[in-house]
Amino acid sequence: MMGLVWSLLGIVSGAFIAVQAPINAQLARGLGLPVAAAFFSFLSGTVVLGIVTVVMTRAQGISLDWKAPAPWLFVAGGLLGGFYVTLSTVLVPRIGAAALMAFLVAGQLIAGMLLDRIGFLGFAVREISLGRIAGAVLLLAGALLVRLT
């Protein structure tokens, strides 16, 4: 049962990404600069997540362990997210939301397979099988069909 819930939450999260790109593109159009739209997207997300963090830590009676994570981890996710949001904001009006989502998923799958293969950040190593390669090729072909037709 929980597997189904987690899968549905993954689908909802993907849908949020699809909706976020055109919203940010519209904001960029209004502001006149895609990177400014990305900035405000992150700023609003930062404020909301800051409030949620404070509420959750107080409700659960925990404190964050600021010394445990490696310092680069505090910056890397935001840096990668900044590039993602900015590029999505630039690309969605040029190639459309469906093509952008198709290419994003293809890129995520390919990167995910490589990260699984090397056991990135200590996660379990998962081999790149023929089935996984076929899935990635089919997904990339699908992304191209979405874009080119």
C-alpha atoms as a PDB file:
ATOM      1  CA  MET A   1       0.000   0.000   0.000  1.00  0.00           C
ATOM      2  CA  MET A   2       2.727   2.494   0.945  1.00  0.00           C
ATOM      3  CA  GLY A   3       4.517   1.686  -2.332  1.00  0.00           C
ATOM      4  CA  LEU A   4       1.459   2.915  -4.196  1.00  0.00           C
ATOM      5  CA  VAL A   5       1.320   6.081  -2.084  1.00  0.00           C
ATOM      6  CA  TRP A   6       5.008   6.833  -2.728  1.00  0.00           C
ATOM      7  CA  SER A   7       4.534   6.205  -6.459  1.00  0.00           C
ATOM      8  CA  LEU A   8       1.536   8.544  -6.597  1.00  0.00           C
ATOM      9  CA  LEU A   9       3.494  11.218  -4.720  1.00  0.00           C
ATOM     10  CA  GLY A  10       6.239  10.856  -7.346  1.00  0.00           C
ATOM     11  CA  ILE A  11       3.671  11.454 -10.072  1.00  0.00           C
ATOM     12  CA  VAL A  12       2.302  14.502  -8.237  1.00  0.00           C
ATOM     13  CA  SER A  13       5.836  15.845  -7.833  1.00  0.00           C
ATOM     14  CA  GLY A  14       6.451  15.419 -11.561  1.00  0.00           C
ATOM     15  CA  ALA A  15       3.216  17.252 -12.304  1.00  0.00           C
ATOM     16  CA  PHE A  16       4.339  20.126 -10.074  1.00  0.00           C
ATOM     17  CA  ILE A  17       7.550  20.385 -12.114  1.00  0.00           C
ATOM     18  CA  ALA A  18       5.499  20.523 -15.329  1.00  0.00           C
ATOM     19  CA  VAL A  19       3.367  23.359 -13.930  1.00  0.00           C
ATOM     20  CA  GLN A  20       6.317  25.220 -12.396  1.00  0.00           C
ATOM     21  CA  ALA A  21       8.168  25.717 -15.698  1.00  0.00           C
ATOM     22  CA  PRO A  22       5.436  27.693 -17.509  1.00  0.00           C
ATOM     23  CA  ILE A  23       4.713  29.715 -14.355  1.00  0.00           C
ATOM     24  CA  ASN A  24       8.379  30.696 -14.110  1.00  0.00           C
ATOM     25  CA  ALA A  25       8.501  31.390 -17.864  1.00  0.00           C
ATOM     26  CA  GLN A  26       5.532  33.753 -17.516  1.00  0.00           C
ATOM     27  CA  LEU A  27       7.231  35.442 -14.557  1.00  0.00           C
ATOM     28  CA  ALA A  28      10.442  35.758 -16.619  1.00  0.00           C
ATOM     29  CA  ARG A  29       8.479  37.275 -19.487  1.00  0.00           C
ATOM     30  CA  GLY A  30       6.988  39.833 -17.114  1.00  0.00           C
ATOM     31  CA  LEU A  31      10.278  40.620 -15.394  1.00  0.00           C
ATOM     32  CA  GLY A  32      12.338  40.537 -18.579  1.00  0.00           C
ATOM     33  CA  LEU A  33      15.030  38.177 -17.229  1.00  0.00           C
ATOM     34  CA  PRO A  34      14.812  34.384 -16.746  1.00  0.00           C
ATOM     35  CA  VAL A  35      17.404  34.296 -13.980  1.00  0.00           C
ATOM     36  CA  ALA A  36      15.341  36.831 -12.003  1.00  0.00           C
ATOM     37  CA  ALA A  37      12.308  34.549 -12.263  1.00  0.00           C
ATOM     38  CA  ALA A  38      14.435  31.649 -11.020  1.00  0.00           C
ATOM     39  CA  PHE A  39      15.628  33.816  -8.140  1.00  0.00           C
ATOM     40  CA  PHE A  40      12.099  34.651  -7.038  1.00  0.00           C
ATOM     41  CA  SER A  41      11.069  31.011  -7.432  1.00  0.00           C
ATOM     42  CA  PHE A  42      13.855  29.988  -5.061  1.00  0.00           C
ATOM     43  CA  LEU A  43      13.230  32.921  -2.723  1.00  0.00           C
ATOM     44  CA  SER A  44       9.573  32.031  -2.230  1.00  0.00           C
ATOM     45  CA  GLY A  45      10.460  28.350  -1.845  1.00  0.00           C
ATOM     46  CA  THR A  46      13.146  29.251   0.688  1.00  0.00           C
ATOM     47  CA  VAL A  47      10.743  31.295   2.794  1.00  0.00           C
ATOM     48  CA  VAL A  48       8.075  28.566   2.785  1.00  0.00           C
ATOM     49  CA  LEU A  49      10.574  25.777   3.538  1.00  0.00           C
ATOM     50  CA  GLY A  50      12.172  27.887   6.277  1.00  0.00           C
ATOM     51  CA  ILE A  51       8.819  28.289   7.987  1.00  0.00           C
ATOM     52  CA  VAL A  52       8.037  24.573   7.594  1.00  0.00           C
ATOM     53  CA  THR A  53      11.466  23.666   9.008  1.00  0.00           C
ATOM     54  CA  VAL A  54      10.977  25.858  12.075  1.00  0.00           C
ATOM     55  CA  VAL A  55       7.485  24.467  12.678  1.00  0.00           C
ATOM     56  CA  MET A  56       8.603  20.841  12.254  1.00  0.00           C
ATOM     57  CA  THR A  57      11.710  21.100  14.422  1.00  0.00           C
ATOM     58  CA  ARG A  58       9.684  22.708  17.223  1.00  0.00           C
ATOM     59  CA  ALA A  59       6.796  20.246  16.860  1.00  0.00           C
ATOM     60  CA  GLN A  60       9.154  17.258  16.929  1.00  0.00           C
ATOM     61  CA  GLY A  61      11.433  18.726  19.591  1.00  0.00           C
ATOM     62  CA  ILE A  62      14.572  18.266  17.500  1.00  0.00           C
ATOM     63  CA  SER A  63      17.438  20.520  16.508  1.00  0.00           C
ATOM     64  CA  LEU A  64      19.316  20.434  13.243  1.00  0.00           C
ATOM     65  CA  ASP A  65      22.865  19.060  13.296  1.00  0.00           C
ATOM     66  CA  TRP A  66      24.630  21.740  11.247  1.00  0.00           C
ATOM     67  CA  LYS A  67      28.044  20.075  11.613  1.00  0.00           C
ATOM     68  CA  ALA A  68      27.115  16.592  10.318  1.00  0.00           C
ATOM     69  CA  PRO A  69      26.806  17.235   6.556  1.00  0.00           C
ATOM     70  CA  ALA A  70      29.872  18.061   4.481  1.00  0.00           C
ATOM     71  CA  PRO A  71      29.903  21.833   3.751  1.00  0.00           C
ATOM     72  CA  TRP A  72      29.577  21.363  -0.014  1.00  0.00           C
ATOM     73  CA  LEU A  73      26.217  19.628   0.485  1.00  0.00           C
ATOM     74  CA  PHE A  74      24.718  22.917   1.717  1.00  0.00           C
ATOM     75  CA  VAL A  75      25.424  24.507  -1.685  1.00  0.00           C
ATOM     76  CA  ALA A  76      25.410  21.757  -4.320  1.00  0.00           C
ATOM     77  CA  GLY A  77      21.678  20.998  -4.390  1.00  0.00           C
ATOM     78  CA  GLY A  78      20.722  24.655  -4.594  1.00  0.00           C
ATOM     79  CA  LEU A  79      23.302  25.310  -7.306  1.00  0.00           C
ATOM     80  CA  LEU A  80      22.018  22.420  -9.416  1.00  0.00           C
ATOM     81  CA  GLY A  81      18.420  23.447  -8.725  1.00  0.00           C
ATOM     82  CA  GLY A  82      19.202  27.008  -9.780  1.00  0.00           C
ATOM     83  CA  PHE A  83      20.510  25.826 -13.128  1.00  0.00           C
ATOM     84  CA  TYR A  84      17.519  23.512 -13.565  1.00  0.00           C
ATOM     85  CA  VAL A  85      14.922  26.209 -12.800  1.00  0.00           C
ATOM     86  CA  THR A  86      16.679  28.835 -14.949  1.00  0.00           C
ATOM     87  CA  LEU A  87      17.123  26.481 -17.923  1.00  0.00           C
ATOM     88  CA  SER A  88      13.528  25.267 -17.636  1.00  0.00           C
ATOM     89  CA  THR A  89      12.355  28.869 -17.587  1.00  0.00           C
ATOM     90  CA  VAL A  90      14.341  29.577 -20.769  1.00  0.00           C
ATOM     91  CA  LEU A  91      13.422  26.329 -22.567  1.00  0.00           C
ATOM     92  CA  VAL A  92       9.676  25.959 -21.938  1.00  0.00           C
ATOM     93  CA  PRO A  93       8.613  28.840 -24.223  1.00  0.00           C
ATOM     94  CA  ARG A  94      11.028  27.612 -26.911  1.00  0.00           C
ATOM     95  CA  ILE A  95      10.274  23.875 -27.015  1.00  0.00           C
ATOM     96  CA  GLY A  96       7.000  23.599 -25.061  1.00  0.00           C
ATOM     97  CA  ALA A  97       6.142  22.066 -21.707  1.00  0.00           C
ATOM     98  CA  ALA A  98       5.641  18.503 -23.000  1.00  0.00           C
ATOM     99  CA  ALA A  99       8.983  18.359 -24.817  1.00  0.00           C
ATOM    100  CA  LEU A 100      10.777  19.937 -21.865  1.00  0.00           C
ATOM    101  CA  MET A 101       9.287  17.383 -19.456  1.00  0.00           C
ATOM    102  CA  ALA A 102      10.187  14.534 -21.826  1.00  0.00           C
ATOM    103  CA  PHE A 103      13.804  15.664 -22.070  1.00  0.00           C
ATOM    104  CA  LEU A 104      13.978  16.296 -18.315  1.00  0.00           C
ATOM    105  CA  VAL A 105      12.781  12.780 -17.560  1.00  0.00           C
ATOM    106  CA  ALA A 106      15.201  11.316 -20.120  1.00  0.00           C
ATOM    107  CA  GLY A 107      18.081  13.276 -18.584  1.00  0.00           C
ATOM    108  CA  GLN A 108      17.049  12.241 -15.078  1.00  0.00           C
ATOM    109  CA  LEU A 109      16.880   8.584 -16.067  1.00  0.00           C
ATOM    110  CA  ILE A 110      20.268   8.591 -17.781  1.00  0.00           C
ATOM    111  CA  ALA A 111      21.927  10.463 -14.908  1.00  0.00           C
ATOM    112  CA  GLY A 112      20.142   8.245 -12.382  1.00  0.00           C
ATOM    113  CA  MET A 113      21.419   5.104 -14.072  1.00  0.00           C
ATOM    114  CA  LEU A 114      24.981   6.427 -13.991  1.00  0.00           C
ATOM    115  CA  LEU A 115      24.664   7.488 -10.339  1.00  0.00           C
ATOM    116  CA  ASP A 116      23.239   4.058  -9.471  1.00  0.00           C
ATOM    117  CA  ARG A 117      26.116   2.377 -11.314  1.00  0.00           C
ATOM    118  CA  ILE A 118      28.808   4.187  -9.301  1.00  0.00           C
ATOM    119  CA  GLY A 119      26.913   4.131  -6.003  1.00  0.00           C
ATOM    120  CA  PHE A 120      26.965   7.935  -5.771  1.00  0.00           C
ATOM    121  CA  LEU A 121      27.215   9.251  -2.194  1.00  0.00           C
ATOM    122  CA  GLY A 122      27.282   5.731  -0.766  1.00  0.00           C
ATOM    123  CA  PHE A 123      23.951   4.541  -2.160  1.00  0.00           C
ATOM    124  CA  ALA A 124      23.614   0.914  -3.268  1.00  0.00           C
ATOM    125  CA  VAL A 125      25.259   0.088  -6.581  1.00  0.00           C
ATOM    126  CA  ARG A 126      22.833  -1.024  -9.257  1.00  0.00           C
ATOM    127  CA  GLU A 127      24.137  -2.404 -12.517  1.00  0.00           C
ATOM    128  CA  ILE A 128      23.197  -0.959 -15.898  1.00  0.00           C
ATOM    129  CA  SER A 129      21.333  -3.850 -17.475  1.00  0.00           C
ATOM    130  CA  LEU A 130      20.229  -4.325 -21.048  1.00  0.00           C
ATOM    131  CA  GLY A 131      16.657  -3.653 -19.919  1.00  0.00           C
ATOM    132  CA  ARG A 132      17.669  -0.347 -18.329  1.00  0.00           C
ATOM    133  CA  ILE A 133      19.540   0.683 -21.465  1.00  0.00           C
ATOM    134  CA  ALA A 134      16.541  -0.245 -23.614  1.00  0.00           C
ATOM    135  CA  GLY A 135      14.264   1.767 -21.321  1.00  0.00           C
ATOM    136  CA  ALA A 136      16.535   4.808 -21.563  1.00  0.00           C
ATOM    137  CA  VAL A 137      16.752   4.535 -25.356  1.00  0.00           C
ATOM    138  CA  LEU A 138      12.970   4.230 -25.631  1.00  0.00           C
ATOM    139  CA  LEU A 139      12.469   7.182 -23.291  1.00  0.00           C
ATOM    140  CA  LEU A 140      14.926   9.302 -25.272  1.00  0.00           C
ATOM    141  CA  ALA A 141      13.221   8.260 -28.524  1.00  0.00           C
ATOM    142  CA  GLY A 142       9.886   9.229 -26.982  1.00  0.00           C
ATOM    143  CA  ALA A 143      11.286  12.610 -25.944  1.00  0.00           C
ATOM    144  CA  LEU A 144      12.476  13.214 -29.503  1.00  0.00           C
ATOM    145  CA  LEU A 145       9.072  12.225 -30.892  1.00  0.00           C
ATOM    146  CA  VAL A 146       7.341  14.628 -28.495  1.00  0.00           C
ATOM    147  CA  ARG A 147       9.671  17.426 -29.607  1.00  0.00           C
ATOM    148  CA  LEU A 148       9.816  16.790 -33.325  1.00  0.00           C
ATOM    149  CA  THR A 149       6.182  15.961 -34.098  1.00  0.00           C
END
